[in-house]
Amino acid sequence: MMHLRVLSPPDRTDAVLDAVLGQIGATHVVALRGAAVQPAGDVVEADVTREAVDDVLGRLRELDVDRDGGITLEVIDTSLSDAADRAVEAAPGDPADAIIWDDLVARTGEESRLSISYQSFLTIACVLAAIGAITDSPVTVVGAMVLGPEFGPLAAIAVGLVLRRGDLIRRGAAALYVGFPVAMSVTAAATLAFTVTGLLDSRTLESLQQVEFIYEVGPFSFIVALLAGAAGMLAMTSAKSASLVGVFISVTTVPAAAFAAAALVEGNFTQAAGSALQLVVNLVGIVLAAALVLVGTRRFRGSRPMRRLRSG
């Protein structure tokens, strides 16, 4: 379940209570008249099942409470209540399958920001992947996959396409368009430094066996990207974020970008081209599959995103 807190203008509090109490998945409803200070008004709190959250938020937005007051959601880790158990049983569907569109937009919007931390993680991941490729160490490459933060922008683009949200598409595209070239440039500089110091010989890249998957593009490259994108979006929409680790170690976006930069510096243009193609195939496949999952789950579960969803 999720804890809902609404800061409501006094003239709309009764309507807010009706919206909350009208949901079979809502319980533990509390109304505190005059408790809100900034913005001034009343406070309404309730515990709501995941299946009912999206509908409740839609009704509250129709009352403009999000503009003149405030709405916050928190995940409830433990709830010991017969009333809560009855609410979960009464709500149709399974809580794990419910899409909370506001939460999805907020998460993807936040994780796709072109921030210093995002760029730092992406750059470190690329350099680490290059080292793993150079040393023919798949373990190091997998570590770089887990470290890479690129799924956030890809998910934002997918959500933006489905919801027709240009701001999410632009934010995700900017994070990729700026983030990868910067990370690849640093990786190229690191590769050059490895060569100058004697840590890397150009012939090393010609005898790699364990990491050939990085630059060898085949039918399974696109299939894996599709499966990873679908799994990643399912993990985000079903609140099973732990599954995202499996997604991270399934795609070769970061390793492909890193190896393209390293191979280009070393003059291995065939491998560089193959890695660049691998990168494009994975990016396109992930976004396509993630968007299709959203479209499919929206139709199957009967949930619909509201037009006024915001990215936060």
Protein backbone atom coordinates (compact mmCIF):
# COMPACT_ATOMS: atom_id res chain seq x y z
CA MET A 1 0.00 0.00 0.00
CA MET A 2 0.93 3.66 -0.26
CA HIS A 3 0.40 6.54 2.13
CA LEU A 4 -1.35 9.53 0.58
CA ARG A 5 -1.15 13.02 2.06
CA VAL A 6 -3.12 15.88 0.58
CA LEU A 7 -2.80 19.55 1.45
CA SER A 8 -6.17 20.87 0.45
CA PRO A 9 -7.67 24.38 0.28
CA PRO A 10 -10.50 24.47 2.87
CA ASP A 11 -13.19 24.97 0.25
CA ARG A 12 -12.22 21.69 -1.46
CA THR A 13 -11.56 19.46 1.52
CA ASP A 14 -15.01 17.85 1.47
CA ALA A 15 -14.57 17.04 -2.22
CA VAL A 16 -11.13 15.60 -1.48
CA LEU A 17 -12.62 13.38 1.23
CA ASP A 18 -15.33 12.23 -1.16
CA ALA A 19 -12.69 11.37 -3.76
CA VAL A 20 -10.68 9.34 -1.25
CA LEU A 21 -13.58 7.68 0.57
CA GLY A 22 -15.15 6.79 -2.76
CA GLN A 23 -12.28 4.41 -3.51
CA ILE A 24 -12.66 0.85 -2.28
CA GLY A 25 -8.88 0.64 -1.99
CA ALA A 26 -8.61 3.54 0.49
CA THR A 27 -8.55 3.16 4.26
CA HIS A 28 -7.13 4.79 7.40
CA VAL A 29 -8.55 8.14 6.26
CA VAL A 30 -7.71 11.13 8.47
CA ALA A 31 -8.84 14.76 8.09
CA LEU A 32 -7.01 17.53 9.96
CA ARG A 33 -8.83 20.82 9.51
CA GLY A 34 -6.58 23.87 9.45
CA ALA A 35 -3.42 21.82 10.06
CA ALA A 36 -1.54 22.94 6.94
CA VAL A 37 0.59 26.08 7.27
CA GLN A 38 2.37 26.39 3.91
CA PRO A 39 0.32 26.30 1.81
CA ALA A 40 -2.43 27.08 4.26
CA GLY A 41 -5.38 24.72 4.39
CA ASP A 42 -6.42 21.29 5.59
CA VAL A 43 -4.60 17.97 5.60
CA VAL A 44 -6.18 14.73 4.42
CA GLU A 45 -4.27 11.48 4.82
CA ALA A 46 -5.09 7.93 3.79
CA ASP A 47 -3.55 4.58 3.00
CA VAL A 48 -4.37 3.52 -0.55
CA THR A 49 -3.74 0.28 -2.41
CA ARG A 50 -1.52 0.59 -5.49
CA GLU A 51 -4.42 -0.41 -7.73
CA ALA A 52 -6.48 2.58 -6.56
CA VAL A 53 -3.74 5.22 -6.40
CA ASP A 54 -3.85 6.23 -10.06
CA ASP A 55 -7.62 6.83 -9.98
CA VAL A 56 -7.42 8.77 -6.71
CA LEU A 57 -4.69 11.02 -8.08
CA GLY A 58 -6.74 11.64 -11.21
CA ARG A 59 -9.73 12.78 -9.13
CA LEU A 60 -7.55 15.01 -6.98
CA ARG A 61 -6.01 16.65 -10.04
CA GLU A 62 -9.50 17.37 -11.34
CA LEU A 63 -9.98 19.39 -8.16
CA ASP A 64 -6.72 21.31 -8.86
CA VAL A 65 -5.41 20.26 -5.47
CA ASP A 66 -1.99 19.67 -7.01
CA ARG A 67 -1.88 23.32 -8.08
CA ASP A 68 -3.39 25.05 -5.06
CA GLY A 69 -2.26 22.61 -2.40
CA GLY A 70 -0.06 19.55 -2.57
CA ILE A 71 -0.08 15.77 -2.98
CA THR A 72 2.59 13.39 -1.70
CA LEU A 73 2.90 9.61 -1.84
CA GLU A 74 5.03 7.29 0.27
CA VAL A 75 5.47 3.54 0.10
CA ILE A 76 4.28 1.69 3.19
CA ASP A 77 6.71 -1.11 3.99
CA THR A 78 4.67 -2.63 6.81
CA SER A 79 0.97 -2.30 7.60
CA LEU A 80 -0.65 -4.30 10.40
CA SER A 81 -4.34 -3.66 9.96
CA ASP A 82 -7.43 -5.71 9.17
CA ALA A 83 -8.88 -2.65 7.45
CA ALA A 84 -5.84 -2.44 5.18
CA ASP A 85 -6.07 -6.16 4.42
CA ARG A 86 -9.74 -5.73 3.46
CA ALA A 87 -8.88 -2.78 1.21
CA VAL A 88 -6.23 -4.82 -0.61
CA GLU A 89 -8.65 -7.72 -1.07
CA ALA A 90 -11.46 -5.46 -2.28
CA ALA A 91 -9.35 -3.61 -4.85
CA PRO A 92 -9.38 -5.33 -8.25
CA GLY A 93 -6.14 -6.77 -9.61
CA ASP A 94 -2.79 -7.36 -7.99
CA PRO A 95 -0.88 -4.49 -6.32
CA ALA A 96 2.37 -5.49 -8.02
CA ASP A 97 0.78 -5.07 -11.45
CA ALA A 98 -0.64 -1.59 -10.94
CA ILE A 99 0.91 1.32 -12.82
CA ILE A 100 1.09 4.61 -10.96
CA TRP A 101 1.68 6.99 -13.83
CA ASP A 102 2.60 9.98 -11.68
CA ASP A 103 5.22 7.91 -9.89
CA LEU A 104 6.56 6.55 -13.18
CA VAL A 105 6.83 10.03 -14.69
CA ALA A 106 8.51 11.39 -11.57
CA ARG A 107 11.02 8.54 -11.40
CA THR A 108 11.98 8.60 -15.05
CA GLY A 109 12.12 12.37 -15.05
CA GLU A 110 14.45 12.39 -12.06
CA GLU A 111 16.68 9.55 -13.30
CA SER A 112 17.12 11.17 -16.72
CA ARG A 113 18.50 14.48 -15.50
CA LEU A 114 21.87 15.43 -16.96
CA SER A 115 23.50 15.94 -13.59
CA ILE A 116 27.08 15.78 -12.41
CA SER A 117 26.43 12.48 -10.65
CA TYR A 118 24.83 10.98 -13.78
CA GLN A 119 27.76 12.05 -15.95
CA SER A 120 30.26 10.84 -13.38
CA PHE A 121 28.70 7.39 -13.11
CA LEU A 122 28.45 7.06 -16.90
CA THR A 123 32.06 8.16 -17.40
CA ILE A 124 33.42 5.85 -14.71
CA ALA A 125 31.35 2.99 -16.15
CA CYS A 126 32.75 3.59 -19.63
CA VAL A 127 36.37 3.72 -18.47
CA LEU A 128 35.80 0.59 -16.38
CA ALA A 129 34.24 -1.17 -19.38
CA ALA A 130 37.19 -0.17 -21.56
CA ILE A 131 39.61 -1.63 -19.02
CA GLY A 132 37.53 -4.81 -18.89
CA ALA A 133 37.58 -5.08 -22.67
CA ILE A 134 41.31 -4.35 -22.91
CA THR A 135 42.12 -6.98 -20.28
CA ASP A 136 39.58 -9.40 -21.78
CA SER A 137 37.80 -9.54 -18.42
CA PRO A 138 34.02 -10.15 -18.71
CA VAL A 139 33.66 -9.73 -14.93
CA THR A 140 34.94 -6.16 -15.15
CA VAL A 141 32.66 -5.48 -18.11
CA VAL A 142 29.65 -6.75 -16.17
CA GLY A 143 30.61 -4.44 -13.30
CA ALA A 144 30.56 -1.53 -15.72
CA MET A 145 27.12 -2.60 -16.95
CA VAL A 146 25.72 -2.51 -13.43
CA LEU A 147 27.31 0.88 -12.75
CA GLY A 148 25.95 2.54 -15.90
CA PRO A 149 22.96 4.88 -15.31
CA GLU A 150 21.77 5.01 -18.92
CA PHE A 151 18.51 3.09 -18.43
CA GLY A 152 16.95 6.14 -16.74
CA PRO A 153 17.11 8.36 -19.85
CA LEU A 154 16.03 5.47 -22.07
CA ALA A 155 13.00 4.84 -19.86
CA ALA A 156 12.18 8.55 -19.89
CA ILE A 157 12.16 8.59 -23.69
CA ALA A 158 9.87 5.54 -23.76
CA VAL A 159 7.46 7.10 -21.25
CA GLY A 160 7.56 10.38 -23.16
CA LEU A 161 6.68 8.62 -26.41
CA VAL A 162 3.71 6.81 -24.88
CA LEU A 163 2.39 9.84 -22.98
CA ARG A 164 3.34 12.28 -25.74
CA ARG A 165 5.49 14.19 -23.27
CA GLY A 166 8.06 16.17 -25.21
CA ASP A 167 9.80 17.32 -22.04
CA LEU A 168 10.62 13.75 -21.01
CA ILE A 169 11.85 12.89 -24.50
CA ARG A 170 14.06 15.97 -24.62
CA ARG A 171 15.45 15.37 -21.15
CA GLY A 172 16.27 11.73 -21.83
CA ALA A 173 17.72 12.48 -25.26
CA ALA A 174 19.88 15.28 -23.84
CA ALA A 175 21.26 12.96 -21.15
CA LEU A 176 22.23 10.43 -23.82
CA TYR A 177 23.36 12.94 -26.46
CA VAL A 178 25.67 14.75 -24.06
CA GLY A 179 26.47 11.97 -21.61
CA PHE A 180 27.80 9.34 -23.98
CA PRO A 181 30.08 11.63 -26.07
CA VAL A 182 31.61 13.08 -22.91
CA ALA A 183 32.12 9.64 -21.38
CA MET A 184 33.56 8.30 -24.63
CA SER A 185 35.92 11.25 -24.92
CA VAL A 186 37.27 10.62 -21.43
CA THR A 187 37.56 6.91 -22.26
CA ALA A 188 39.49 7.74 -25.44
CA ALA A 189 41.86 9.96 -23.42
CA ALA A 190 42.32 7.17 -20.86
CA THR A 191 43.04 4.68 -23.65
CA LEU A 192 45.64 7.02 -25.10
CA ALA A 193 47.25 7.34 -21.68
CA PHE A 194 47.31 3.55 -21.33
CA THR A 195 49.05 3.32 -24.70
CA VAL A 196 51.64 6.00 -23.90
CA THR A 197 52.49 4.40 -20.57
CA GLY A 198 52.80 0.95 -22.13
CA LEU A 199 49.79 -0.54 -20.37
CA LEU A 200 48.07 -1.15 -23.69
CA ASP A 201 49.37 -2.46 -26.99
CA SER A 202 47.23 -2.05 -30.10
CA ARG A 203 47.70 -5.76 -30.81
CA THR A 204 45.88 -6.56 -27.57
CA LEU A 205 42.52 -5.66 -29.10
CA GLU A 206 43.06 -8.16 -31.89
CA SER A 207 43.19 -11.18 -29.60
CA LEU A 208 40.11 -10.71 -27.45
CA GLN A 209 37.88 -13.75 -26.93
CA GLN A 210 35.84 -13.26 -23.77
CA VAL A 211 34.38 -9.86 -24.72
CA GLU A 212 33.74 -10.31 -28.42
CA PHE A 213 30.03 -9.80 -27.75
CA ILE A 214 30.72 -6.08 -27.32
CA TYR A 215 31.56 -5.41 -30.95
CA GLU A 216 30.05 -8.40 -32.76
CA VAL A 217 26.49 -7.50 -33.74
CA GLY A 218 24.08 -10.32 -34.54
CA PRO A 219 20.37 -11.13 -34.43
CA PHE A 220 20.53 -11.84 -30.72
CA SER A 221 21.91 -8.35 -30.06
CA PHE A 222 18.56 -6.80 -30.90
CA ILE A 223 16.60 -9.60 -29.22
CA VAL A 224 18.52 -9.14 -25.96
CA ALA A 225 17.98 -5.38 -26.14
CA LEU A 226 14.24 -5.90 -26.59
CA LEU A 227 14.04 -8.31 -23.67
CA ALA A 228 16.11 -6.02 -21.47
CA GLY A 229 13.96 -3.00 -22.29
CA ALA A 230 10.77 -4.93 -21.60
CA ALA A 231 12.11 -6.32 -18.32
CA GLY A 232 13.37 -2.93 -17.22
CA MET A 233 10.06 -1.19 -17.81
CA LEU A 234 8.13 -4.00 -16.13
CA ALA A 235 10.42 -3.66 -13.12
CA MET A 236 9.77 0.08 -12.94
CA THR A 237 6.00 -0.14 -13.32
CA SER A 238 5.57 -3.06 -10.93
CA ALA A 239 7.82 -1.60 -8.22
CA LYS A 240 10.20 -4.55 -8.52
CA SER A 241 13.28 -2.37 -8.85
CA ALA A 242 15.59 -5.20 -7.79
CA SER A 243 14.97 -6.76 -11.20
CA LEU A 244 16.67 -3.78 -12.81
CA VAL A 245 20.03 -5.25 -11.86
CA GLY A 246 19.30 -8.08 -14.25
CA VAL A 247 18.57 -5.53 -16.95
CA PHE A 248 21.83 -3.70 -16.36
CA ILE A 249 23.92 -6.81 -16.87
CA SER A 250 21.99 -7.82 -20.00
CA VAL A 251 22.67 -4.85 -22.25
CA THR A 252 25.92 -3.66 -23.75
CA THR A 253 25.33 0.06 -24.11
CA VAL A 254 28.16 1.20 -21.84
CA PRO A 255 30.65 -1.50 -22.95
CA ALA A 256 29.88 -0.79 -26.61
CA ALA A 257 30.41 2.95 -26.19
CA ALA A 258 33.61 2.40 -24.24
CA PHE A 259 35.08 -0.11 -26.66
CA ALA A 260 34.18 2.06 -29.65
CA ALA A 261 36.25 4.88 -28.15
CA ALA A 262 39.16 2.60 -27.23
CA ALA A 263 39.23 0.82 -30.58
CA LEU A 264 39.05 4.09 -32.47
CA VAL A 265 42.08 5.46 -30.61
CA GLU A 266 44.01 2.27 -31.34
CA GLY A 267 43.10 2.34 -35.02
CA ASN A 268 40.91 -0.77 -34.95
CA PHE A 269 38.20 0.82 -37.06
CA THR A 270 36.29 -2.41 -37.76
CA GLN A 271 35.85 -3.10 -34.06
CA ALA A 272 35.02 0.55 -33.42
CA ALA A 273 32.31 0.48 -36.08
CA GLY A 274 30.90 -2.78 -34.73
CA SER A 275 30.79 -1.38 -31.20
CA ALA A 276 29.06 1.80 -32.39
CA LEU A 277 26.46 -0.28 -34.21
CA GLN A 278 26.01 -2.41 -31.10
CA LEU A 279 25.38 0.75 -29.10
CA VAL A 280 22.73 2.00 -31.52
CA VAL A 281 21.01 -1.40 -31.70
CA ASN A 282 20.79 -1.59 -27.91
CA LEU A 283 19.54 1.98 -27.46
CA VAL A 284 16.82 1.57 -30.09
CA GLY A 285 15.81 -1.89 -28.88
CA ILE A 286 15.48 -0.84 -25.24
CA VAL A 287 13.37 2.22 -25.99
CA LEU A 288 11.15 0.34 -28.43
CA ALA A 289 10.49 -2.54 -26.06
CA ALA A 290 9.92 -0.27 -23.05
CA ALA A 291 7.39 1.80 -25.00
CA LEU A 292 5.57 -1.32 -26.23
CA VAL A 293 5.37 -2.66 -22.69
CA LEU A 294 3.76 0.56 -21.51
CA VAL A 295 1.25 0.54 -24.34
CA GLY A 296 0.44 -3.12 -23.76
CA THR A 297 0.07 -2.89 -19.99
CA ARG A 298 -2.06 0.24 -20.27
CA ARG A 299 -4.53 -1.56 -22.51
CA PHE A 300 -4.43 -4.84 -20.63
CA ARG A 301 -4.81 -3.34 -17.15
CA GLY A 302 -7.22 -0.66 -18.26
CA SER A 303 -5.16 2.12 -16.71
CA ARG A 304 -4.92 5.42 -18.48
CA PRO A 305 -2.42 8.25 -17.97
CA MET A 306 -3.85 11.68 -17.24
CA ARG A 307 -2.96 14.55 -19.50
CA ARG A 308 -1.71 16.71 -16.70
CA LEU A 309 0.98 14.33 -15.50
CA ARG A 310 4.11 16.21 -14.56
CA SER A 311 7.74 15.17 -14.41
CA GLY A 312 8.52 16.99 -11.20
